[in-house]
Amino acid sequence: EDILAEIVGELSPPSPGEPEEIHPQADGSYIIEGSTNL
């Protein structure tokens, strides 16, 4: 599924309990968790 996601995009939505890693801000910047995959 990880390889297929590289081709077609994410196959399933994130789990309800899974924290968001990218948080958009009003000024156009983003607060990003350090563990976020590049």
PDB file of all heavy atoms in Angstrom:
ATOM      1  N   GLU A   1       0.825  -1.206   0.000  1.00  0.00           N
ATOM      2  CA  GLU A   1       0.000   0.000   0.000  1.00  0.00           C
ATOM      3  C   GLU A   1       0.863   1.261   0.000  1.00  0.00           C
ATOM      4  O   GLU A   1       0.470   2.274  -0.585  1.00  0.00           O
ATOM      5  CB  GLU A   1      -0.931   0.001   1.219  1.00  0.00           C
ATOM      6  CG  GLU A   1      -2.083  -0.998   1.146  1.00  0.00           C
ATOM      7  CD  GLU A   1      -1.646  -2.431   1.377  1.00  0.00           C
ATOM      8  OE1 GLU A   1      -0.499  -2.642   1.860  1.00  0.00           O
ATOM      9  OE2 GLU A   1      -2.432  -3.348   1.078  1.00  0.00           O
ATOM     10  N   ASP A   2       2.021   1.215   0.656  1.00  0.00           N
ATOM     11  CA  ASP A   2       2.915   2.374   0.652  1.00  0.00           C
ATOM     12  C   ASP A   2       3.408   2.694  -0.760  1.00  0.00           C
ATOM     13  O   ASP A   2       3.496   3.861  -1.156  1.00  0.00           O
ATOM     14  CB  ASP A   2       4.117   2.123   1.561  1.00  0.00           C
ATOM     15  CG  ASP A   2       3.723   2.009   3.027  1.00  0.00           C
ATOM     16  OD1 ASP A   2       2.711   2.632   3.418  1.00  0.00           O
ATOM     17  OD2 ASP A   2       4.410   1.281   3.784  1.00  0.00           O
ATOM     18  N   ILE A   3       3.730   1.643  -1.518  1.00  0.00           N
ATOM     19  CA  ILE A   3       4.199   1.851  -2.890  1.00  0.00           C
ATOM     20  C   ILE A   3       3.066   2.353  -3.772  1.00  0.00           C
ATOM     21  O   ILE A   3       3.247   3.273  -4.581  1.00  0.00           O
ATOM     22  CB  ILE A   3       4.801   0.554  -3.450  1.00  0.00           C
ATOM     23  CG1 ILE A   3       5.988   0.112  -2.602  1.00  0.00           C
ATOM     24  CG2 ILE A   3       5.236   0.749  -4.906  1.00  0.00           C
ATOM     25  CD1 ILE A   3       6.637  -1.179  -3.065  1.00  0.00           C
ATOM     26  N   LEU A   4       1.881   1.765  -3.616  1.00  0.00           N
ATOM     27  CA  LEU A   4       0.737   2.213  -4.409  1.00  0.00           C
ATOM     28  C   LEU A   4       0.375   3.659  -4.094  1.00  0.00           C
ATOM     29  O   LEU A   4      -0.068   4.399  -4.977  1.00  0.00           O
ATOM     30  CB  LEU A   4      -0.463   1.298  -4.162  1.00  0.00           C
ATOM     31  CG  LEU A   4      -0.314  -0.154  -4.637  1.00  0.00           C
ATOM     32  CD1 LEU A   4      -1.560  -0.955  -4.297  1.00  0.00           C
ATOM     33  CD2 LEU A   4      -0.040  -0.210  -6.129  1.00  0.00           C
ATOM     34  N   ALA A   5       0.570   4.063  -2.833  1.00  0.00           N
ATOM     35  CA  ALA A   5       0.287   5.453  -2.456  1.00  0.00           C
ATOM     36  C   ALA A   5       1.204   6.428  -3.176  1.00  0.00           C
ATOM     37  O   ALA A   5       0.826   7.582  -3.429  1.00  0.00           O
ATOM     38  CB  ALA A   5       0.412   5.623  -0.946  1.00  0.00           C
ATOM     39  N   GLU A   6       2.430   5.990  -3.519  1.00  0.00           N
ATOM     40  CA  GLU A   6       3.333   6.835  -4.284  1.00  0.00           C
ATOM     41  C   GLU A   6       2.831   7.061  -5.701  1.00  0.00           C
ATOM     42  O   GLU A   6       3.173   8.044  -6.348  1.00  0.00           O
ATOM     43  CB  GLU A   6       4.730   6.220  -4.326  1.00  0.00           C
ATOM     44  CG  GLU A   6       5.483   6.297  -3.017  1.00  0.00           C
ATOM     45  CD  GLU A   6       5.802   7.727  -2.631  1.00  0.00           C
ATOM     46  OE1 GLU A   6       6.257   8.482  -3.518  1.00  0.00           O
ATOM     47  OE2 GLU A   6       5.597   8.091  -1.463  1.00  0.00           O
ATOM     48  N   ILE A   7       1.999   6.145  -6.199  1.00  0.00           N
ATOM     49  CA  ILE A   7       1.488   6.243  -7.560  1.00  0.00           C
ATOM     50  C   ILE A   7       0.154   6.976  -7.599  1.00  0.00           C
ATOM     51  O   ILE A   7      -0.035   7.911  -8.385  1.00  0.00           O
ATOM     52  CB  ILE A   7       1.340   4.841  -8.182  1.00  0.00           C
ATOM     53  CG1 ILE A   7       2.695   4.128  -8.208  1.00  0.00           C
ATOM     54  CG2 ILE A   7       0.760   4.938  -9.587  1.00  0.00           C
ATOM     55  CD1 ILE A   7       2.616   2.692  -8.684  1.00  0.00           C
ATOM     56  N   VAL A   8      -0.778   6.581  -6.757  1.00  0.00           N
ATOM     57  CA  VAL A   8      -2.148   7.108  -6.824  1.00  0.00           C
ATOM     58  C   VAL A   8      -2.483   8.053  -5.690  1.00  0.00           C
ATOM     59  O   VAL A   8      -3.575   8.622  -5.652  1.00  0.00           O
ATOM     60  CB  VAL A   8      -3.169   5.955  -6.846  1.00  0.00           C
ATOM     61  CG1 VAL A   8      -2.929   5.047  -8.029  1.00  0.00           C
ATOM     62  CG2 VAL A   8      -3.110   5.146  -5.549  1.00  0.00           C
ATOM     63  N   GLY A   9      -1.577   8.258  -4.741  1.00  0.00           N
ATOM     64  CA  GLY A   9      -1.878   9.068  -3.573  1.00  0.00           C
ATOM     65  C   GLY A   9      -2.367   8.198  -2.427  1.00  0.00           C
ATOM     66  O   GLY A   9      -2.465   6.977  -2.533  1.00  0.00           O
ATOM     67  N   GLU A  10      -2.662   8.839  -1.319  1.00  0.00           N
ATOM     68  CA  GLU A  10      -3.091   8.107  -0.134  1.00  0.00           C
ATOM     69  C   GLU A  10      -4.365   7.314  -0.419  1.00  0.00           C
ATOM     70  O   GLU A  10      -5.325   7.829  -0.982  1.00  0.00           O
ATOM     71  CB  GLU A  10      -3.330   9.059   1.035  1.00  0.00           C
ATOM     72  CG  GLU A  10      -2.051   9.710   1.557  1.00  0.00           C
ATOM     73  CD  GLU A  10      -1.072   8.679   2.106  1.00  0.00           C
ATOM     74  OE1 GLU A  10      -1.535   7.638   2.621  1.00  0.00           O
ATOM     75  OE2 GLU A  10       0.138   8.915   2.021  1.00  0.00           O
ATOM     76  N   LEU A  11      -4.345   6.035  -0.019  1.00  0.00           N
ATOM     77  CA  LEU A  11      -5.467   5.149  -0.301  1.00  0.00           C
ATOM     78  C   LEU A  11      -6.563   5.223   0.751  1.00  0.00           C
ATOM     79  O   LEU A  11      -7.683   4.792   0.509  1.00  0.00           O
ATOM     80  CB  LEU A  11      -4.960   3.702  -0.406  1.00  0.00           C
ATOM     81  CG  LEU A  11      -3.907   3.455  -1.493  1.00  0.00           C
ATOM     82  CD1 LEU A  11      -3.396   2.027  -1.428  1.00  0.00           C
ATOM     83  CD2 LEU A  11      -4.472   3.744  -2.870  1.00  0.00           C
ATOM     84  N   SER A  12      -6.257   5.759   1.910  1.00  0.00           N
ATOM     85  CA  SER A  12      -7.246   5.843   2.985  1.00  0.00           C
ATOM     86  C   SER A  12      -7.013   7.116   3.766  1.00  0.00           C
ATOM     87  O   SER A  12      -5.879   7.598   3.863  1.00  0.00           O
ATOM     88  CB  SER A  12      -7.161   4.615   3.895  1.00  0.00           C
ATOM     89  OG  SER A  12      -5.858   4.507   4.468  1.00  0.00           O
ATOM     90  N   PRO A  13      -8.062   7.687   4.347  1.00  0.00           N
ATOM     91  CA  PRO A  13      -7.888   8.893   5.146  1.00  0.00           C
ATOM     92  C   PRO A  13      -7.150   8.578   6.435  1.00  0.00           C
ATOM     93  O   PRO A  13      -7.097   7.432   6.873  1.00  0.00           O
ATOM     94  CB  PRO A  13      -9.339   9.336   5.419  1.00  0.00           C
ATOM     95  CG  PRO A  13     -10.132   8.070   5.338  1.00  0.00           C
ATOM     96  CD  PRO A  13      -9.453   7.225   4.294  1.00  0.00           C
ATOM     97  N   PRO A  14      -6.554   9.582   7.074  1.00  0.00           N
ATOM     98  CA  PRO A  14      -5.859   9.329   8.334  1.00  0.00           C
ATOM     99  C   PRO A  14      -6.820   8.863   9.420  1.00  0.00           C
ATOM    100  O   PRO A  14      -8.006   9.186   9.413  1.00  0.00           O
ATOM    101  CB  PRO A  14      -5.233  10.696   8.656  1.00  0.00           C
ATOM    102  CG  PRO A  14      -6.011  11.689   7.878  1.00  0.00           C
ATOM    103  CD  PRO A  14      -6.489  10.983   6.653  1.00  0.00           C
ATOM    104  N   SER A  15      -6.290   8.091  10.315  1.00  0.00           N
ATOM    105  CA  SER A  15      -7.114   7.584  11.415  1.00  0.00           C
ATOM    106  C   SER A  15      -7.598   8.731  12.282  1.00  0.00           C
ATOM    107  O   SER A  15      -6.901   9.746  12.432  1.00  0.00           O
ATOM    108  CB  SER A  15      -6.310   6.588  12.250  1.00  0.00           C
ATOM    109  OG  SER A  15      -5.815   5.539  11.451  1.00  0.00           O
ATOM    110  N   PRO A  16      -8.779   8.589  12.918  1.00  0.00           N
ATOM    111  CA  PRO A  16      -9.311   9.687  13.739  1.00  0.00           C
ATOM    112  C   PRO A  16      -8.368  10.096  14.852  1.00  0.00           C
ATOM    113  O   PRO A  16      -8.269  11.265  15.190  1.00  0.00           O
ATOM    114  CB  PRO A  16     -10.620   9.097  14.286  1.00  0.00           C
ATOM    115  CG  PRO A  16     -11.001   8.030  13.306  1.00  0.00           C
ATOM    116  CD  PRO A  16      -9.725   7.468  12.797  1.00  0.00           C
ATOM    117  N   GLY A  17      -7.677   9.146  15.447  1.00  0.00           N
ATOM    118  CA  GLY A  17      -6.777   9.475  16.551  1.00  0.00           C
ATOM    119  C   GLY A  17      -5.389   9.889  16.119  1.00  0.00           C
ATOM    120  O   GLY A  17      -4.553  10.244  16.954  1.00  0.00           O
ATOM    121  N   GLU A  18      -5.105   9.857  14.818  1.00  0.00           N
ATOM    122  CA  GLU A  18      -3.781  10.193  14.320  1.00  0.00           C
ATOM    123  C   GLU A  18      -3.581  11.706  14.302  1.00  0.00           C
ATOM    124  O   GLU A  18      -4.370  12.432  13.699  1.00  0.00           O
ATOM    125  CB  GLU A  18      -3.593   9.623  12.916  1.00  0.00           C
ATOM    126  CG  GLU A  18      -2.194   9.801  12.366  1.00  0.00           C
ATOM    127  CD  GLU A  18      -2.030   9.151  11.006  1.00  0.00           C
ATOM    128  OE1 GLU A  18      -2.914   8.366  10.613  1.00  0.00           O
ATOM    129  OE2 GLU A  18      -1.019   9.432  10.335  1.00  0.00           O
ATOM    130  N   PRO A  19      -2.551  12.219  14.990  1.00  0.00           N
ATOM    131  CA  PRO A  19      -2.354  13.669  15.048  1.00  0.00           C
ATOM    132  C   PRO A  19      -1.917  14.245  13.704  1.00  0.00           C
ATOM    133  O   PRO A  19      -1.215  13.609  12.934  1.00  0.00           O
ATOM    134  CB  PRO A  19      -1.257  13.826  16.112  1.00  0.00           C
ATOM    135  CG  PRO A  19      -0.499  12.530  16.075  1.00  0.00           C
ATOM    136  CD  PRO A  19      -1.523  11.475  15.725  1.00  0.00           C
ATOM    137  N   GLU A  20      -2.336  15.478  13.470  1.00  0.00           N
ATOM    138  CA  GLU A  20      -1.917  16.181  12.263  1.00  0.00           C
ATOM    139  C   GLU A  20      -0.472  16.646  12.425  1.00  0.00           C
ATOM    140  O   GLU A  20      -0.075  17.108  13.491  1.00  0.00           O
ATOM    141  CB  GLU A  20      -2.838  17.368  12.004  1.00  0.00           C
ATOM    142  CG  GLU A  20      -4.253  16.995  11.614  1.00  0.00           C
ATOM    143  CD  GLU A  20      -4.321  16.414  10.208  1.00  0.00           C
ATOM    144  OE1 GLU A  20      -3.405  16.693   9.403  1.00  0.00           O
ATOM    145  OE2 GLU A  20      -5.279  15.675   9.926  1.00  0.00           O
ATOM    146  N   GLU A  21       0.290  16.524  11.341  1.00  0.00           N
ATOM    147  CA  GLU A  21       1.692  16.914  11.394  1.00  0.00           C
ATOM    148  C   GLU A  21       1.936  18.286  10.785  1.00  0.00           C
ATOM    149  O   GLU A  21       2.942  18.921  11.080  1.00  0.00           O
ATOM    150  CB  GLU A  21       2.554  15.881  10.666  1.00  0.00           C
ATOM    151  CG  GLU A  21       2.573  14.512  11.327  1.00  0.00           C
ATOM    152  CD  GLU A  21       3.481  13.538  10.617  1.00  0.00           C
ATOM    153  OE1 GLU A  21       3.535  13.579   9.360  1.00  0.00           O
ATOM    154  OE2 GLU A  21       4.156  12.740  11.286  1.00  0.00           O
ATOM    155  N   ILE A  22       1.022  18.766   9.957  1.00  0.00           N
ATOM    156  CA  ILE A  22       1.171  20.042   9.275  1.00  0.00           C
ATOM    157  C   ILE A  22      -0.018  20.920   9.645  1.00  0.00           C
ATOM    158  O   ILE A  22      -1.169  20.548   9.414  1.00  0.00           O
ATOM    159  CB  ILE A  22       1.256  19.851   7.755  1.00  0.00           C
ATOM    160  CG1 ILE A  22       2.407  18.900   7.399  1.00  0.00           C
ATOM    161  CG2 ILE A  22       1.431  21.189   7.055  1.00  0.00           C
ATOM    162  CD1 ILE A  22       2.473  18.547   5.924  1.00  0.00           C
ATOM    163  N   HIS A  23       0.273  22.096  10.216  1.00  0.00           N
ATOM    164  CA  HIS A  23      -0.785  22.986  10.680  1.00  0.00           C
ATOM    165  C   HIS A  23      -0.669  24.324   9.956  1.00  0.00           C
ATOM    166  O   HIS A  23       0.264  25.107  10.218  1.00  0.00           O
ATOM    167  CB  HIS A  23      -0.670  23.201  12.204  1.00  0.00           C
ATOM    168  CG  HIS A  23      -0.618  21.932  12.992  1.00  0.00           C
ATOM    169  ND1 HIS A  23      -1.746  21.250  13.380  1.00  0.00           N
ATOM    170  CD2 HIS A  23       0.440  21.204  13.456  1.00  0.00           C
ATOM    171  CE1 HIS A  23      -1.391  20.161  14.055  1.00  0.00           C
ATOM    172  NE2 HIS A  23      -0.077  20.099  14.118  1.00  0.00           N
ATOM    173  N   PRO A  24      -1.565  24.639   9.027  1.00  0.00           N
ATOM    174  CA  PRO A  24      -1.514  25.921   8.322  1.00  0.00           C
ATOM    175  C   PRO A  24      -1.799  27.078   9.267  1.00  0.00           C
ATOM    176  O   PRO A  24      -2.613  26.970  10.184  1.00  0.00           O
ATOM    177  CB  PRO A  24      -2.595  25.791   7.246  1.00  0.00           C
ATOM    178  CG  PRO A  24      -3.140  24.447   7.363  1.00  0.00           C
ATOM    179  CD  PRO A  24      -2.665  23.783   8.556  1.00  0.00           C
ATOM    180  N   GLN A  25      -1.132  28.223   9.032  1.00  0.00           N
ATOM    181  CA  GLN A  25      -1.310  29.418   9.829  1.00  0.00           C
ATOM    182  C   GLN A  25      -1.923  30.537   8.997  1.00  0.00           C
ATOM    183  O   GLN A  25      -1.909  30.501   7.756  1.00  0.00           O
ATOM    184  CB  GLN A  25       0.033  29.864  10.410  1.00  0.00           C
ATOM    185  CG  GLN A  25       0.736  28.794  11.237  1.00  0.00           C
ATOM    186  CD  GLN A  25      -0.045  28.357  12.442  1.00  0.00           C
ATOM    187  OE1 GLN A  25      -0.382  29.165  13.305  1.00  0.00           O
ATOM    188  NE2 GLN A  25      -0.360  27.063  12.525  1.00  0.00           N
ATOM    189  N   ALA A  26      -2.471  31.534   9.681  1.00  0.00           N
ATOM    190  CA  ALA A  26      -3.156  32.627   8.992  1.00  0.00           C
ATOM    191  C   ALA A  26      -2.211  33.452   8.124  1.00  0.00           C
ATOM    192  O   ALA A  26      -2.632  34.038   7.125  1.00  0.00           O
ATOM    193  CB  ALA A  26      -3.851  33.529  10.019  1.00  0.00           C
ATOM    194  N   ASP A  27      -0.940  33.517   8.473  1.00  0.00           N
ATOM    195  CA  ASP A  27       0.014  34.329   7.715  1.00  0.00           C
ATOM    196  C   ASP A  27       0.601  33.589   6.516  1.00  0.00           C
ATOM    197  O   ASP A  27       1.502  34.101   5.851  1.00  0.00           O
ATOM    198  CB  ASP A  27       1.135  34.816   8.617  1.00  0.00           C
ATOM    199  CG  ASP A  27       1.915  33.680   9.276  1.00  0.00           C
ATOM    200  OD1 ASP A  27       1.521  32.496   9.101  1.00  0.00           O
ATOM    201  OD2 ASP A  27       2.915  33.966   9.980  1.00  0.00           O
ATOM    202  N   GLY A  28       0.110  32.380   6.245  1.00  0.00           N
ATOM    203  CA  GLY A  28       0.606  31.614   5.110  1.00  0.00           C
ATOM    204  C   GLY A  28       1.718  30.637   5.442  1.00  0.00           C
ATOM    205  O   GLY A  28       2.133  29.857   4.581  1.00  0.00           O
ATOM    206  N   SER A  29       2.207  30.665   6.670  1.00  0.00           N
ATOM    207  CA  SER A  29       3.245  29.727   7.086  1.00  0.00           C
ATOM    208  C   SER A  29       2.602  28.446   7.622  1.00  0.00           C
ATOM    209  O   SER A  29       1.378  28.338   7.732  1.00  0.00           O
ATOM    210  CB  SER A  29       4.137  30.364   8.150  1.00  0.00           C
ATOM    211  OG  SER A  29       3.393  30.647   9.327  1.00  0.00           O
ATOM    212  N   TYR A  30       3.454  27.484   7.981  1.00  0.00           N
ATOM    213  CA  TYR A  30       2.981  26.204   8.490  1.00  0.00           C
ATOM    214  C   TYR A  30       3.800  25.826   9.712  1.00  0.00           C
ATOM    215  O   TYR A  30       5.021  25.994   9.729  1.00  0.00           O
ATOM    216  CB  TYR A  30       3.107  25.099   7.430  1.00  0.00           C
ATOM    217  CG  TYR A  30       2.306  25.347   6.181  1.00  0.00           C
ATOM    218  CD1 TYR A  30       2.847  26.085   5.124  1.00  0.00           C
ATOM    219  CD2 TYR A  30       1.017  24.860   6.050  1.00  0.00           C
ATOM    220  CE1 TYR A  30       2.117  26.315   3.972  1.00  0.00           C
ATOM    221  CE2 TYR A  30       0.275  25.082   4.899  1.00  0.00           C
ATOM    222  CZ  TYR A  30       0.833  25.813   3.868  1.00  0.00           C
ATOM    223  OH  TYR A  30       0.097  26.038   2.720  1.00  0.00           O
ATOM    224  N   ILE A  31       3.117  25.325  10.715  1.00  0.00           N
ATOM    225  CA  ILE A  31       3.802  24.732  11.854  1.00  0.00           C
ATOM    226  C   ILE A  31       3.836  23.228  11.624  1.00  0.00           C
ATOM    227  O   ILE A  31       2.796  22.582  11.502  1.00  0.00           O
ATOM    228  CB  ILE A  31       3.104  25.087  13.181  1.00  0.00           C
ATOM    229  CG1 ILE A  31       3.226  26.602  13.432  1.00  0.00           C
ATOM    230  CG2 ILE A  31       3.717  24.306  14.327  1.00  0.00           C
ATOM    231  CD1 ILE A  31       2.559  27.062  14.710  1.00  0.00           C
ATOM    232  N   ILE A  32       5.044  22.691  11.560  1.00  0.00           N
ATOM    233  CA  ILE A  32       5.242  21.317  11.131  1.00  0.00           C
ATOM    234  C   ILE A  32       5.976  20.541  12.218  1.00  0.00           C
ATOM    235  O   ILE A  32       6.933  21.039  12.823  1.00  0.00           O
ATOM    236  CB  ILE A  32       6.044  21.265   9.810  1.00  0.00           C
ATOM    237  CG1 ILE A  32       5.368  22.150   8.749  1.00  0.00           C
ATOM    238  CG2 ILE A  32       6.168  19.848   9.295  1.00  0.00           C
ATOM    239  CD1 ILE A  32       6.214  22.343   7.503  1.00  0.00           C
ATOM    240  N   GLU A  33       5.521  19.325  12.457  1.00  0.00           N
ATOM    241  CA  GLU A  33       6.196  18.446  13.397  1.00  0.00           C
ATOM    242  C   GLU A  33       7.558  18.034  12.838  1.00  0.00           C
ATOM    243  O   GLU A  33       7.720  17.820  11.633  1.00  0.00           O
ATOM    244  CB  GLU A  33       5.354  17.207  13.676  1.00  0.00           C
ATOM    245  CG  GLU A  33       3.977  17.493  14.258  1.00  0.00           C
ATOM    246  CD  GLU A  33       4.050  18.132  15.623  1.00  0.00           C
ATOM    247  OE1 GLU A  33       4.933  17.741  16.415  1.00  0.00           O
ATOM    248  OE2 GLU A  33       3.226  19.033  15.904  1.00  0.00           O
ATOM    249  N   GLY A  34       8.528  17.904  13.713  1.00  0.00           N
ATOM    250  CA  GLY A  34       9.875  17.570  13.282  1.00  0.00           C
ATOM    251  C   GLY A  34       9.991  16.190  12.658  1.00  0.00           C
ATOM    252  O   GLY A  34      10.880  15.934  11.854  1.00  0.00           O
ATOM    253  N   SER A  35       9.095  15.267  13.031  1.00  0.00           N
ATOM    254  CA  SER A  35       9.145  13.905  12.507  1.00  0.00           C
ATOM    255  C   SER A  35       8.465  13.757  11.152  1.00  0.00           C
ATOM    256  O   SER A  35       8.408  12.645  10.611  1.00  0.00           O
ATOM    257  CB  SER A  35       8.485  12.939  13.498  1.00  0.00           C
ATOM    258  OG  SER A  35       7.125  13.309  13.740  1.00  0.00           O
ATOM    259  N   THR A  36       7.958  14.837  10.587  1.00  0.00           N
ATOM    260  CA  THR A  36       7.246  14.771   9.313  1.00  0.00           C
ATOM    261  C   THR A  36       8.181  14.338   8.196  1.00  0.00           C
ATOM    262  O   THR A  36       9.287  14.871   8.044  1.00  0.00           O
ATOM    263  CB  THR A  36       6.636  16.137   8.961  1.00  0.00           C
ATOM    264  OG1 THR A  36       5.791  16.567  10.034  1.00  0.00           O
ATOM    265  CG2 THR A  36       5.812  16.064   7.691  1.00  0.00           C
ATOM    266  N   ASN A  37       7.735  13.374   7.419  1.00  0.00           N
ATOM    267  CA  ASN A  37       8.500  12.901   6.276  1.00  0.00           C
ATOM    268  C   ASN A  37       8.566  13.983   5.207  1.00  0.00           C
ATOM    269  O   ASN A  37       7.553  14.604   4.856  1.00  0.00           O
ATOM    270  CB  ASN A  37       7.870  11.628   5.715  1.00  0.00           C
ATOM    271  CG  ASN A  37       8.695  11.004   4.607  1.00  0.00           C
ATOM    272  OD1 ASN A  37       8.603  11.400   3.457  1.00  0.00           O
ATOM    273  ND2 ASN A  37       9.502  10.034   4.957  1.00  0.00           N
ATOM    274  N   LEU A  38       9.764  14.217   4.682  1.00  0.00           N
ATOM    275  CA  LEU A  38       9.963  15.291   3.707  1.00  0.00           C
ATOM    276  C   LEU A  38       9.202  15.034   2.408  1.00  0.00           C
ATOM    277  O   LEU A  38       8.674  15.969   1.799  1.00  0.00           O
ATOM    278  CB  LEU A  38      11.452  15.468   3.411  1.00  0.00           C
ATOM    279  CG  LEU A  38      12.284  16.089   4.534  1.00  0.00           C
ATOM    280  CD1 LEU A  38      13.757  16.114   4.150  1.00  0.00           C
ATOM    281  CD2 LEU A  38      11.803  17.510   4.837  1.00  0.00           C
TER     282      LEU A  38
END
